[in-house]
Amino acid sequence: MKQLLAATLLGTTAMVASAQGGGPTHDPAPAGVLSLSAQAATEVPTDVVHMTLAAEQEGAEPGAISSSLSAKTQEVIAQAKRTSGVQAQSGGFTIYPSNDKNGRISTWRGRAEVILESRDFSAVSKLAGQLAGQMQVQNISFSLSREARHAAEAKLTEQAVASFREKAQATTKLFGYGSYTIREVQVSEAGAVQPMPRMYAAKAMMADSAPVPVEGGKAQVTVTVNGSVQMLK
């Protein structure tokens, strides 16, 4: 995995408060406080695919369209659930009128969706091809599983914390101090999946009973450590 480490020195704070004549006296703010930020990031292959299938129908009776699309949705979900490693659930379901130039309803249109999710890219690819006669692929997206994300975050946390400590020690010496103690620290995680080109989804829609091409991308996982230390002589 390609890894990137970055540590950023945010600045130092050294303040001394003095009492004003005749005014209230305040305790001096601590001097030699150093604020730091360290970050570790890596790219991890996405391991979960989300595929949206859809069917559309047109007719004179909205009830008939609704019944037909409902039956097709149930059939597709049932077939998908018989495929090992694939999860399926219903998605959007709409029935709406289409008007003529005079504003009168000329026909009715309906659309039903089924959403597939799997870590087995080969299985869902083959299934989508088999279902092409009933529902076609409309969109494909990818994500990182919880297990993969947690594993990446665990390694990155070690790296970010080590980077924070190293930066704190090195910067403390630059300011003429001998050591430091940690005042406060926060650890946060973030992640983003690289978007899939739209042409890929459009190409998948044209698949006819053949397996739909499914290839995941990369997800970037980042761990950031923010905090402050008290520099000591």
Foldseek 3Di string as FASTA:
>chain_A
DDKDKDKDFPFADAWFDADDVPDDGDHTDHGQKGWIKIKMKDKDWFQKKKWKWKDKDKFADQVVRQVVRVVLQVVLQVVQVVQPFKHKDWDDKDKDFDADPVRHGDIIMIMTMMMMMGSPLQRVLLSQLQCLVRIFTQDMDTHHDPVRLVVVVVVRVVVRVVVRLVVQCVVLVVVPFHHKAFDDKDKDKDKDADDDDPVLSVVRRPRHSHGRDDDTDIMMMMMMMIGMIRTHD
